[in-house]
Amino acid sequence: MPGALTPERTAARLCELSSDARAAVLVDAAGSLAGASDLDPERARVLGQLAVGLFEAVDRAPRAEGVEPPEQVEAQVEGGAVYATRNPRWTLAVVARRGTLSSLMLMDLRSVLAELEGAPPIRTSVSATVAGDLPDPPVPELGQERA
């Protein structure tokens, strides 16, 4: 399919979608680096290894019987945060700014992985920046007289 997201472009795509993302990597099920955002190759390899190690640690953690290992993780560290999500084929991890909204970043991670798996591309939009371009509100403002 033309324009389909490739593993090599997946991490960069995530960074394009989120202004809070600093660096991202995609790792395949065998633990090999499949793609990275604008990182030098050695830093990308190390980040990929750390992402795999993060899930290995999570998988070893005790949990109630019948509870599956988590598909996503969040780690807050001084000066930033790490978010990662996985499915049977891929692990996608991102280093983000400290104030990043967890729910939005994790949604972006899942959405980009879904796009890689063939889901429709994520739609983006540009916010309105000129008040004059906005339609009149459907309800008059409180305290203002109607003309």
C-alpha atoms as a PDB file:
ATOM      1  CA  MET A   1       0.000   0.000   0.000  1.00  0.00           C
ATOM      2  CA  PRO A   2       1.527   3.357  -1.011  1.00  0.00           C
ATOM      3  CA  GLY A   3       2.385   5.594   1.890  1.00  0.00           C
ATOM      4  CA  ALA A   4       2.177   2.771   4.427  1.00  0.00           C
ATOM      5  CA  LEU A   5       4.299   3.274   7.511  1.00  0.00           C
ATOM      6  CA  THR A   6       7.511   1.241   7.521  1.00  0.00           C
ATOM      7  CA  PRO A   7       9.408   0.011  10.590  1.00  0.00           C
ATOM      8  CA  GLU A   8      12.311   2.294   9.691  1.00  0.00           C
ATOM      9  CA  ARG A   9      10.021   5.366   9.776  1.00  0.00           C
ATOM     10  CA  THR A  10       7.862   4.460  12.782  1.00  0.00           C
ATOM     11  CA  ALA A  11       9.957   6.094  15.524  1.00  0.00           C
ATOM     12  CA  ALA A  12      10.401   9.269  13.480  1.00  0.00           C
ATOM     13  CA  ARG A  13       6.637   9.321  12.816  1.00  0.00           C
ATOM     14  CA  LEU A  14       5.963   9.260  16.555  1.00  0.00           C
ATOM     15  CA  CYS A  15       8.317  12.201  17.090  1.00  0.00           C
ATOM     16  CA  GLU A  16       6.573  14.107  14.279  1.00  0.00           C
ATOM     17  CA  LEU A  17       3.192  13.608  15.962  1.00  0.00           C
ATOM     18  CA  SER A  18       4.203  14.626  19.464  1.00  0.00           C
ATOM     19  CA  SER A  19       6.047  17.810  20.273  1.00  0.00           C
ATOM     20  CA  ASP A  20       6.896  16.286  23.677  1.00  0.00           C
ATOM     21  CA  ALA A  21       8.839  13.377  22.154  1.00  0.00           C
ATOM     22  CA  ARG A  22      12.618  13.810  22.222  1.00  0.00           C
ATOM     23  CA  ALA A  23      13.745  10.455  20.820  1.00  0.00           C
ATOM     24  CA  ALA A  24      12.089   7.158  19.936  1.00  0.00           C
ATOM     25  CA  VAL A  25      13.024   3.636  18.868  1.00  0.00           C
ATOM     26  CA  LEU A  26      11.214   0.655  17.422  1.00  0.00           C
ATOM     27  CA  VAL A  27      12.443  -2.821  18.363  1.00  0.00           C
ATOM     28  CA  ASP A  28      11.260  -6.060  16.748  1.00  0.00           C
ATOM     29  CA  ALA A  29      10.178  -9.217  18.615  1.00  0.00           C
ATOM     30  CA  ALA A  30      13.739 -10.594  18.471  1.00  0.00           C
ATOM     31  CA  GLY A  31      15.042  -7.481  20.259  1.00  0.00           C
ATOM     32  CA  SER A  32      16.720  -5.951  17.202  1.00  0.00           C
ATOM     33  CA  LEU A  33      16.518  -2.252  16.466  1.00  0.00           C
ATOM     34  CA  ALA A  34      14.122  -1.763  13.538  1.00  0.00           C
ATOM     35  CA  GLY A  35      13.953   2.037  13.452  1.00  0.00           C
ATOM     36  CA  ALA A  36      14.921   5.167  15.320  1.00  0.00           C
ATOM     37  CA  SER A  37      14.211   8.860  15.300  1.00  0.00           C
ATOM     38  CA  ASP A  38      17.089  11.251  14.691  1.00  0.00           C
ATOM     39  CA  LEU A  39      19.604   9.528  16.961  1.00  0.00           C
ATOM     40  CA  ASP A  40      23.122   8.500  16.164  1.00  0.00           C
ATOM     41  CA  PRO A  41      23.246   4.727  15.630  1.00  0.00           C
ATOM     42  CA  GLU A  42      24.965   3.929  18.933  1.00  0.00           C
ATOM     43  CA  ARG A  43      22.502   5.966  21.025  1.00  0.00           C
ATOM     44  CA  ALA A  44      19.604   4.364  19.137  1.00  0.00           C
ATOM     45  CA  ARG A  45      20.995   0.872  19.811  1.00  0.00           C
ATOM     46  CA  VAL A  46      21.393   1.641  23.526  1.00  0.00           C
ATOM     47  CA  LEU A  47      17.882   3.099  23.801  1.00  0.00           C
ATOM     48  CA  GLY A  48      16.510   0.004  22.065  1.00  0.00           C
ATOM     49  CA  GLN A  49      18.308  -2.258  24.536  1.00  0.00           C
ATOM     50  CA  LEU A  50      16.999  -0.216  27.450  1.00  0.00           C
ATOM     51  CA  ALA A  51      13.434  -0.477  26.130  1.00  0.00           C
ATOM     52  CA  VAL A  52      13.749  -4.258  25.900  1.00  0.00           C
ATOM     53  CA  GLY A  53      15.268  -4.350  29.392  1.00  0.00           C
ATOM     54  CA  LEU A  54      12.426  -2.262  30.778  1.00  0.00           C
ATOM     55  CA  PHE A  55       9.848  -4.797  29.617  1.00  0.00           C
ATOM     56  CA  GLU A  56      12.010  -7.706  30.802  1.00  0.00           C
ATOM     57  CA  ALA A  57      12.019  -6.151  34.281  1.00  0.00           C
ATOM     58  CA  VAL A  58       8.267  -5.590  34.164  1.00  0.00           C
ATOM     59  CA  ASP A  59       7.705  -9.193  33.072  1.00  0.00           C
ATOM     60  CA  ARG A  60       9.688 -10.450  36.104  1.00  0.00           C
ATOM     61  CA  ALA A  61       7.688  -8.355  38.562  1.00  0.00           C
ATOM     62  CA  PRO A  62       5.179 -10.296  40.696  1.00  0.00           C
ATOM     63  CA  ARG A  63       1.525 -10.009  39.703  1.00  0.00           C
ATOM     64  CA  ALA A  64      -1.713 -11.715  40.604  1.00  0.00           C
ATOM     65  CA  GLU A  65      -2.406 -15.070  39.038  1.00  0.00           C
ATOM     66  CA  GLY A  66      -4.131 -14.743  35.673  1.00  0.00           C
ATOM     67  CA  VAL A  67      -2.983 -11.164  35.154  1.00  0.00           C
ATOM     68  CA  GLU A  68      -1.177 -10.729  31.846  1.00  0.00           C
ATOM     69  CA  PRO A  69       2.071  -8.765  31.630  1.00  0.00           C
ATOM     70  CA  PRO A  70       1.470  -5.094  30.854  1.00  0.00           C
ATOM     71  CA  GLU A  71       1.497  -3.899  27.254  1.00  0.00           C
ATOM     72  CA  GLN A  72       2.683  -0.441  28.196  1.00  0.00           C
ATOM     73  CA  VAL A  73       4.935   1.169  30.768  1.00  0.00           C
ATOM     74  CA  GLU A  74       5.766   4.637  31.997  1.00  0.00           C
ATOM     75  CA  ALA A  75       8.860   5.621  33.944  1.00  0.00           C
ATOM     76  CA  GLN A  76       9.307   9.153  35.270  1.00  0.00           C
ATOM     77  CA  VAL A  77      12.918  10.176  35.721  1.00  0.00           C
ATOM     78  CA  GLU A  78      14.638  13.424  36.582  1.00  0.00           C
ATOM     79  CA  GLY A  79      14.232  15.735  33.612  1.00  0.00           C
ATOM     80  CA  GLY A  80      12.017  13.475  31.544  1.00  0.00           C
ATOM     81  CA  ALA A  81       9.928  10.383  31.126  1.00  0.00           C
ATOM     82  CA  VAL A  82      10.075   7.119  29.204  1.00  0.00           C
ATOM     83  CA  TYR A  83       6.972   5.560  27.709  1.00  0.00           C
ATOM     84  CA  ALA A  84       6.812   2.251  25.899  1.00  0.00           C
ATOM     85  CA  THR A  85       4.186  -0.006  24.436  1.00  0.00           C
ATOM     86  CA  ARG A  86       4.399  -3.419  22.843  1.00  0.00           C
ATOM     87  CA  ASN A  87       2.474  -5.959  20.876  1.00  0.00           C
ATOM     88  CA  PRO A  88       3.608  -9.447  19.835  1.00  0.00           C
ATOM     89  CA  ARG A  89       5.682  -8.057  16.927  1.00  0.00           C
ATOM     90  CA  TRP A  90       7.017  -4.687  18.102  1.00  0.00           C
ATOM     91  CA  THR A  91       8.116  -2.555  21.045  1.00  0.00           C
ATOM     92  CA  LEU A  92       7.952   1.209  20.578  1.00  0.00           C
ATOM     93  CA  ALA A  93       9.625   3.426  23.192  1.00  0.00           C
ATOM     94  CA  VAL A  94       9.973   7.173  23.504  1.00  0.00           C
ATOM     95  CA  VAL A  95      11.896   9.576  25.726  1.00  0.00           C
ATOM     96  CA  ALA A  96       9.696  12.598  26.416  1.00  0.00           C
ATOM     97  CA  ARG A  97       9.643  15.842  28.337  1.00  0.00           C
ATOM     98  CA  ARG A  98       8.836  15.610  32.042  1.00  0.00           C
ATOM     99  CA  GLY A  99       5.453  17.356  31.795  1.00  0.00           C
ATOM    100  CA  THR A 100       4.090  15.110  29.062  1.00  0.00           C
ATOM    101  CA  LEU A 101       0.529  13.904  29.579  1.00  0.00           C
ATOM    102  CA  SER A 102       0.838  10.150  30.021  1.00  0.00           C
ATOM    103  CA  SER A 103      -2.514   9.280  28.522  1.00  0.00           C
ATOM    104  CA  LEU A 104      -1.804  11.239  25.331  1.00  0.00           C
ATOM    105  CA  MET A 105       1.691   9.862  24.861  1.00  0.00           C
ATOM    106  CA  LEU A 106       0.557   6.279  25.419  1.00  0.00           C
ATOM    107  CA  MET A 107      -2.319   6.827  22.981  1.00  0.00           C
ATOM    108  CA  ASP A 108       0.164   8.161  20.403  1.00  0.00           C
ATOM    109  CA  LEU A 109       2.384   5.109  20.916  1.00  0.00           C
ATOM    110  CA  ARG A 110      -0.530   2.709  20.416  1.00  0.00           C
ATOM    111  CA  SER A 111      -1.805   4.661  17.412  1.00  0.00           C
ATOM    112  CA  VAL A 112       1.568   4.654  15.671  1.00  0.00           C
ATOM    113  CA  LEU A 113       1.957   0.913  16.266  1.00  0.00           C
ATOM    114  CA  ALA A 114      -1.528   0.380  14.842  1.00  0.00           C
ATOM    115  CA  GLU A 115      -0.577   2.478  11.812  1.00  0.00           C
ATOM    116  CA  LEU A 116       2.516   0.296  11.346  1.00  0.00           C
ATOM    117  CA  GLU A 117       0.252  -2.770  11.440  1.00  0.00           C
ATOM    118  CA  GLY A 118      -1.893  -1.363   8.618  1.00  0.00           C
ATOM    119  CA  ALA A 119      -4.446   0.854  10.355  1.00  0.00           C
ATOM    120  CA  PRO A 120      -5.305   4.130   8.614  1.00  0.00           C
ATOM    121  CA  PRO A 121      -2.785   6.934   9.188  1.00  0.00           C
ATOM    122  CA  ILE A 122      -3.327   9.128  12.181  1.00  0.00           C
ATOM    123  CA  ARG A 123      -5.046  12.343  11.206  1.00  0.00           C
ATOM    124  CA  THR A 124      -3.483  15.553  12.385  1.00  0.00           C
ATOM    125  CA  SER A 125      -4.876  19.033  12.285  1.00  0.00           C
ATOM    126  CA  VAL A 126      -3.704  22.568  12.811  1.00  0.00           C
ATOM    127  CA  SER A 127      -5.364  24.539  15.569  1.00  0.00           C
ATOM    128  CA  ALA A 128      -7.106  27.808  14.773  1.00  0.00           C
ATOM    129  CA  THR A 129      -4.867  30.676  15.760  1.00  0.00           C
ATOM    130  CA  VAL A 130      -6.842  33.651  14.509  1.00  0.00           C
ATOM    131  CA  ALA A 131      -9.955  34.442  16.525  1.00  0.00           C
ATOM    132  CA  GLY A 132     -11.601  36.138  13.539  1.00  0.00           C
ATOM    133  CA  ASP A 133     -11.535  32.843  11.642  1.00  0.00           C
ATOM    134  CA  LEU A 134     -13.674  31.109  14.267  1.00  0.00           C
ATOM    135  CA  PRO A 135     -17.459  30.952  13.919  1.00  0.00           C
ATOM    136  CA  ASP A 136     -19.628  32.808  16.407  1.00  0.00           C
ATOM    137  CA  PRO A 137     -20.283  30.745  19.526  1.00  0.00           C
ATOM    138  CA  PRO A 138     -23.705  29.064  19.567  1.00  0.00           C
ATOM    139  CA  VAL A 139     -24.571  30.654  22.928  1.00  0.00           C
ATOM    140  CA  PRO A 140     -24.032  34.334  23.765  1.00  0.00           C
ATOM    141  CA  GLU A 141     -21.454  35.040  26.453  1.00  0.00           C
ATOM    142  CA  LEU A 142     -22.831  35.542  29.933  1.00  0.00           C
ATOM    143  CA  GLY A 143     -23.118  39.152  30.969  1.00  0.00           C
ATOM    144  CA  GLN A 144     -23.259  40.453  27.397  1.00  0.00           C
ATOM    145  CA  GLU A 145     -26.397  42.011  26.036  1.00  0.00           C
ATOM    146  CA  ARG A 146     -27.875  40.691  22.822  1.00  0.00           C
ATOM    147  CA  ALA A 147     -28.039  43.085  19.915  1.00  0.00           C
END
